[in-house]
Protein backbone atom coordinates (compact mmCIF):
# COMPACT_ATOMS: atom_id res chain seq x y z
CA MET A 1 -69.14 -6.39 -115.52
CA SER A 2 -70.01 -8.44 -118.60
CA GLU A 3 -67.47 -9.16 -121.30
CA PRO A 4 -67.04 -6.43 -123.93
CA SER A 5 -68.79 -6.99 -127.23
CA LEU A 6 -68.55 -5.29 -130.59
CA ALA A 7 -71.63 -4.32 -132.58
CA VAL A 8 -70.81 -4.63 -136.28
CA GLU A 9 -73.09 -4.45 -139.29
CA PRO A 10 -74.01 -7.87 -140.71
CA GLY A 11 -72.18 -8.53 -143.96
CA SER A 12 -69.68 -5.74 -143.36
CA VAL A 13 -65.91 -5.92 -143.73
CA GLU A 14 -65.69 -5.61 -139.95
CA GLU A 15 -67.89 -8.67 -139.44
CA THR A 16 -65.75 -10.70 -141.87
CA LEU A 17 -62.57 -9.68 -140.06
CA LEU A 18 -64.06 -10.33 -136.64
CA ARG A 19 -64.91 -13.90 -137.68
CA GLN A 20 -61.23 -14.45 -138.52
CA ILE A 21 -60.01 -13.43 -135.06
CA ASP A 22 -59.40 -15.97 -132.32
CA ARG A 23 -60.56 -14.11 -129.21
CA SER A 24 -58.46 -16.44 -127.03
CA ARG A 25 -55.26 -15.22 -128.75
CA LEU A 26 -55.76 -11.48 -128.72
CA PRO A 27 -52.72 -9.29 -128.11
CA ARG A 28 -52.79 -8.34 -124.44
CA HIS A 29 -51.22 -4.94 -125.10
CA VAL A 30 -51.63 -2.91 -128.30
CA ALA A 31 -49.52 0.21 -128.80
CA ILE A 32 -50.18 2.68 -131.61
CA ILE A 33 -48.07 5.43 -133.16
CA MET A 34 -50.73 7.84 -134.39
CA ASP A 35 -49.25 9.48 -137.48
CA GLY A 36 -50.60 11.38 -140.45
CA ASN A 37 -52.77 14.15 -139.02
CA GLY A 38 -50.84 16.87 -140.83
CA ARG A 39 -50.89 15.04 -144.15
CA TRP A 40 -54.61 14.35 -143.76
CA ALA A 41 -55.21 18.09 -143.39
CA GLY A 42 -52.80 18.99 -146.20
CA LYS A 43 -54.64 16.76 -148.66
CA ARG A 44 -57.76 18.76 -147.89
CA PHE A 45 -56.00 22.15 -147.99
CA LEU A 46 -56.76 22.66 -144.31
CA PRO A 47 -54.52 23.95 -141.49
CA ARG A 48 -52.54 21.21 -139.71
CA ILE A 49 -54.53 21.70 -136.53
CA GLU A 50 -57.69 20.53 -138.33
CA GLY A 51 -55.97 17.19 -138.86
CA HIS A 52 -55.43 16.95 -135.11
CA ARG A 53 -59.08 17.79 -134.51
CA ALA A 54 -60.19 15.13 -136.98
CA GLY A 55 -58.04 12.55 -135.20
CA VAL A 56 -60.34 12.44 -132.16
CA SER A 57 -62.81 10.11 -133.83
CA ALA A 58 -60.02 7.63 -134.44
CA VAL A 59 -58.88 7.93 -130.82
CA ARG A 60 -62.38 7.45 -129.48
CA GLU A 61 -63.26 4.50 -131.69
CA THR A 62 -59.92 2.79 -131.07
CA VAL A 63 -60.27 3.10 -127.29
CA GLU A 64 -63.86 1.90 -127.37
CA SER A 65 -63.25 -0.96 -129.78
CA SER A 66 -60.17 -2.18 -127.91
CA ALA A 67 -62.13 -2.33 -124.66
CA ARG A 68 -65.01 -4.17 -126.35
CA LEU A 69 -62.63 -6.69 -127.93
CA GLY A 70 -61.01 -7.50 -124.61
CA ILE A 71 -57.60 -5.90 -125.07
CA GLU A 72 -56.01 -5.48 -121.63
CA VAL A 73 -53.81 -2.45 -122.36
CA LEU A 74 -53.94 0.18 -125.11
CA THR A 75 -51.17 2.76 -125.44
CA LEU A 76 -51.44 5.77 -127.75
CA TYR A 77 -48.46 8.01 -128.54
CA ALA A 78 -49.99 11.46 -128.21
CA PHE A 79 -47.14 13.97 -127.82
CA SER A 80 -43.41 13.36 -127.90
CA ILE A 81 -40.67 15.46 -126.32
CA GLU A 82 -39.49 16.14 -129.87
CA ASN A 83 -42.87 17.70 -130.68
CA TRP A 84 -41.81 20.81 -128.75
CA LYS A 85 -39.89 21.75 -131.92
CA ARG A 86 -43.18 22.57 -133.59
CA PRO A 87 -44.53 26.14 -133.83
CA ARG A 88 -45.60 27.52 -130.45
CA HIS A 89 -49.17 28.14 -131.61
CA GLU A 90 -49.57 24.53 -132.76
CA VAL A 91 -48.25 23.17 -129.45
CA TRP A 92 -50.52 25.52 -127.48
CA THR A 93 -53.53 24.42 -129.51
CA LEU A 94 -52.65 20.74 -129.07
CA MET A 95 -52.54 21.10 -125.30
CA ASN A 96 -55.92 22.78 -125.27
CA LEU A 97 -57.36 20.07 -127.48
CA LEU A 98 -55.97 17.46 -125.09
CA LYS A 99 -57.73 19.09 -122.14
CA GLU A 100 -60.95 19.31 -124.13
CA PHE A 101 -60.75 15.63 -125.06
CA LEU A 102 -60.19 14.49 -121.49
CA ARG A 103 -63.02 16.61 -120.11
CA ARG A 104 -65.44 15.26 -122.72
CA GLU A 105 -64.43 11.61 -122.47
CA ILE A 106 -63.75 11.07 -118.77
CA ARG A 107 -67.35 10.05 -118.11
CA THR A 108 -67.20 7.48 -120.91
CA LEU A 109 -64.00 6.01 -119.49
CA ILE A 110 -65.56 5.72 -116.04
CA ASP A 111 -68.81 4.20 -117.32
CA ASN A 112 -66.90 1.59 -119.30
CA ASP A 113 -64.47 0.63 -116.52
CA ILE A 114 -61.37 1.96 -118.33
CA GLN A 115 -58.42 3.14 -116.27
CA LEU A 116 -56.40 6.09 -117.57
CA ARG A 117 -52.61 6.10 -117.16
CA VAL A 118 -50.08 8.64 -118.40
CA LEU A 119 -46.58 7.86 -119.62
CA GLY A 120 -43.74 10.35 -119.99
CA ARG A 121 -42.67 13.54 -118.25
CA TRP A 122 -46.21 14.83 -118.18
CA ARG A 123 -45.81 16.67 -114.89
CA GLU A 124 -43.57 19.15 -116.75
CA LEU A 125 -46.53 20.28 -118.88
CA ASP A 126 -48.58 23.42 -118.25
CA PRO A 127 -50.21 23.32 -114.78
CA SER A 128 -53.69 23.39 -116.32
CA VAL A 129 -52.88 20.28 -118.37
CA VAL A 130 -51.37 18.54 -115.33
CA ALA A 131 -54.46 19.33 -113.27
CA THR A 132 -56.76 17.88 -115.95
CA LEU A 133 -54.65 14.73 -116.18
CA GLU A 134 -54.56 14.29 -112.39
CA GLU A 135 -58.34 14.58 -112.26
CA GLY A 136 -58.68 11.91 -114.95
CA LEU A 137 -56.23 9.59 -113.20
CA GLU A 138 -58.08 9.93 -109.91
CA LYS A 139 -61.57 9.45 -111.35
CA THR A 140 -60.66 6.36 -113.41
CA ALA A 141 -58.35 4.68 -110.89
CA ALA A 142 -60.86 1.90 -110.20
CA GLY A 143 -61.17 0.89 -113.87
CA ARG A 144 -60.51 -2.81 -114.47
CA ARG A 145 -61.74 -3.59 -118.00
CA MET A 146 -58.79 -1.98 -119.80
CA VAL A 147 -55.82 0.28 -119.10
CA PHE A 148 -55.61 3.21 -121.49
CA ASN A 149 -52.11 4.71 -121.57
CA ILE A 150 -51.54 8.14 -123.07
CA ALA A 151 -47.88 8.90 -123.82
CA LEU A 152 -47.43 12.65 -123.27
CA ASN A 153 -44.19 14.62 -123.33
CA TYR A 154 -42.75 11.18 -123.90
CA SER A 155 -39.46 9.82 -125.23
CA GLY A 156 -38.34 6.21 -125.07
CA ARG A 157 -34.75 7.26 -124.41
CA CYS A 158 -35.78 9.69 -121.69
CA GLU A 159 -37.90 6.97 -120.09
CA LEU A 160 -34.81 4.74 -119.92
CA VAL A 161 -32.71 7.60 -118.51
CA ASP A 162 -35.33 8.24 -115.83
CA ALA A 163 -35.47 4.52 -115.01
CA CYS A 164 -31.67 4.36 -114.64
CA ARG A 165 -31.67 7.37 -112.34
CA LYS A 166 -34.35 5.75 -110.21
CA LEU A 167 -32.35 2.52 -109.98
CA VAL A 168 -29.16 4.40 -109.07
CA ASP A 169 -30.99 6.17 -106.25
CA GLU A 170 -32.45 2.89 -105.02
CA ALA A 171 -29.06 1.17 -105.20
CA ALA A 172 -27.53 3.94 -103.13
CA ALA A 173 -30.21 3.44 -100.49
CA SER A 174 -30.00 -0.37 -100.67
CA PRO A 175 -26.43 -1.44 -101.57
CA GLY A 176 -26.17 -4.79 -103.28
CA ARG A 177 -29.51 -4.61 -105.01
CA ALA A 178 -29.34 -6.38 -108.39
CA ILE A 179 -29.96 -4.39 -111.55
CA ASP A 180 -31.32 -6.81 -114.12
CA GLU A 181 -34.03 -6.84 -116.78
CA ALA A 182 -36.78 -7.21 -114.20
CA ALA A 183 -35.46 -4.24 -112.22
CA ILE A 184 -35.29 -2.04 -115.34
CA SER A 185 -38.79 -3.08 -116.45
CA GLY A 186 -40.08 -2.29 -112.97
CA ALA A 187 -38.61 1.22 -113.12
CA LEU A 188 -40.30 2.15 -116.40
CA ASP A 189 -43.55 4.11 -116.77
CA THR A 190 -45.28 0.86 -117.81
CA ALA A 191 -44.22 -1.08 -114.70
CA GLY A 192 -46.68 -3.87 -113.92
CA GLN A 193 -48.12 -3.94 -117.44
CA PRO A 194 -47.45 -6.54 -120.15
CA ASP A 195 -45.14 -5.27 -122.87
CA PRO A 196 -46.82 -4.57 -126.23
CA ASP A 197 -47.57 -7.68 -128.26
CA LEU A 198 -48.61 -5.55 -131.22
CA LEU A 199 -47.28 -2.18 -132.37
CA ILE A 200 -49.30 -0.40 -135.05
CA ARG A 201 -48.08 2.62 -136.97
CA THR A 202 -50.34 4.59 -139.27
CA SER A 203 -49.46 6.63 -142.39
CA GLY A 204 -47.02 4.08 -143.81
CA GLU A 205 -43.88 5.34 -142.09
CA MET A 206 -41.30 2.66 -141.28
CA ARG A 207 -39.86 3.86 -137.97
CA VAL A 208 -40.61 3.58 -134.25
CA SER A 209 -40.06 7.27 -133.41
CA ASN A 210 -38.44 6.81 -129.99
CA PHE A 211 -41.52 5.01 -128.66
CA LEU A 212 -41.41 2.32 -125.94
CA LEU A 213 -37.89 1.33 -126.97
CA TRP A 214 -37.42 -1.19 -124.16
CA GLN A 215 -40.93 -2.58 -124.22
CA ILE A 216 -41.25 -3.33 -127.97
CA ALA A 217 -38.24 -5.69 -128.06
CA TYR A 218 -40.47 -8.58 -129.19
CA SER A 219 -43.52 -6.72 -130.46
CA GLU A 220 -45.04 -7.63 -133.80
CA ILE A 221 -45.14 -4.50 -135.96
CA VAL A 222 -47.93 -3.71 -138.39
CA VAL A 223 -47.69 -0.60 -140.57
CA THR A 224 -50.79 0.65 -142.35
CA PRO A 225 -50.84 3.37 -145.03
CA THR A 226 -54.04 4.71 -143.47
CA LEU A 227 -53.64 8.22 -142.04
CA TRP A 228 -54.57 8.46 -138.37
CA PRO A 229 -57.81 10.49 -138.76
CA ASP A 230 -59.11 7.73 -141.08
CA PHE A 231 -58.15 4.85 -138.74
CA ARG A 232 -61.23 2.89 -137.69
CA LEU A 233 -62.31 -0.49 -136.35
CA GLN A 234 -61.63 -2.14 -139.71
CA HIS A 235 -57.95 -1.17 -139.56
CA LEU A 236 -57.59 -2.31 -135.95
CA LEU A 237 -59.11 -5.69 -136.83
CA GLU A 238 -56.86 -6.01 -139.89
CA ALA A 239 -53.81 -5.46 -137.68
CA ILE A 240 -54.99 -8.11 -135.20
CA VAL A 241 -55.64 -10.60 -138.01
CA ALA A 242 -52.09 -9.97 -139.28
CA PHE A 243 -50.74 -10.38 -135.75
CA GLN A 244 -52.48 -13.72 -135.27
CA GLY A 245 -51.17 -14.94 -138.61
CA ARG A 246 -47.55 -14.63 -137.50
CA GLU A 247 -45.43 -17.25 -135.75
CA ARG A 248 -43.80 -15.73 -132.70
CA ARG A 249 -40.57 -17.45 -131.65
CA PHE A 250 -38.99 -14.88 -129.31
CA GLY A 251 -35.50 -15.88 -130.43
CA GLY A 252 -36.17 -19.64 -130.39
CA LEU A 253 -36.79 -22.13 -133.19
CA GLU A 254 -40.38 -22.92 -132.31
CA ALA A 255 -43.20 -20.66 -131.27
CA PRO A 256 -44.43 -21.18 -127.68
CA THR A 257 -47.88 -22.72 -127.37
CA ALA A 258 -48.99 -19.72 -125.31
CA ALA A 259 -47.44 -16.49 -124.12
CA PRO A 260 -46.50 -16.57 -120.43
CA ALA A 261 -48.76 -14.64 -118.09
CA ALA A 262 -47.54 -11.53 -116.34
CA ASP A 263 -46.07 -12.33 -112.92
CA GLY A 264 -44.51 -9.06 -111.86
CA PRO A 265 -43.69 -5.52 -112.85
CA GLY A 266 -42.81 -5.26 -116.51
CA LYS A 267 -43.18 -9.00 -117.16
CA GLY A 268 -45.63 -9.14 -119.97
CA GLY A 269 -47.18 -11.69 -122.27
CA VAL A 270 -43.77 -12.33 -123.86
CA PRO A 271 -40.16 -11.84 -122.80
CA GLY A 272 -40.90 -8.23 -122.84
CA GLU A 273 -44.48 -8.90 -124.22
CA LEU A 274 -44.90 6.76 -132.73
CA ALA A 275 -47.08 9.20 -132.87
CA ASP A 276 -46.15 12.40 -133.43
CA GLN A 277 -49.80 13.35 -133.13
CA PRO A 278 -52.00 14.36 -130.17
CA LEU A 279 -55.43 13.48 -128.88
CA VAL A 280 -58.06 15.93 -129.94
CA GLY A 281 -61.80 16.54 -129.84
CA GLU A 282 -64.69 16.20 -132.32
CA PRO A 283 -68.15 14.65 -131.99
CA PRO A 284 -68.07 10.82 -131.99
CA SER A 285 -68.87 8.92 -135.16
CA ALA A 286 -72.04 6.87 -135.44
CA THR A 287 -69.98 3.68 -135.26
CA ALA A 288 -68.35 4.77 -132.04
CA GLN A 289 -71.67 5.80 -130.53
CA ASN A 290 -73.07 2.34 -131.21
CA SER A 291 -70.09 0.50 -129.78
CA ILE A 292 -69.91 1.76 -126.20
CA LYS A 293 -71.77 3.63 -123.50
CA SER A 294 -71.63 7.40 -123.68
């Protein structure tokens, strides 16, 4: 398949930003905490769920644009374990919106060679949600252009607990097995993927919300005041420009000339190199329609 390409309007802000980006130094893995759906709706005197619905355009455009740019892995924080504290009706609606999104977009993922992965304790969700996710995983398993991770029923601490339990079981079966950083990375939901080079959080909040706690040890963090439903290609490019403008030392005095390539589970583009909001469904924007097959 040919390399992804972005169609941007000549003279636009997006074109100016794209010219500033060195495509040979893109972050291999971008993780995003999608925040601000409720506030977006509140500013418009709408129910919170309408903010979740509006967020689908941002999800779609971000997935499409990341694939076109050449990002290897994109992870979106869709639903945290803590989100179960929300009103039952809101949670029920979010799960239905998730199913609707996946059913609408699965063909686009397949056509554009994108592989779906799911992080978190997603098998504990409603059987209808699990069935929809399993169908998506099966149908996109051959995707090679980009891995699209959805973090569902996810908690960074719970992921570490689950990894430790797995390692304890393996150690019991194979006494003497070493438990080191590589072993822990290999037991995480993101095993085999590079750790995030870039972590983006929308809505201006300065916290990581229990997201990828092990994996973001050396991630560059960019916080934008933009609320998630308003997040578009421009904001993604701005974050990448900011990322490329930083000097990454990874604890040393000088930045490495290039990030090491992945050579095993959990060994990413660096020594390890949220959203409280779900994926939802609305018609794609004109920009998104022009940027990828549908």
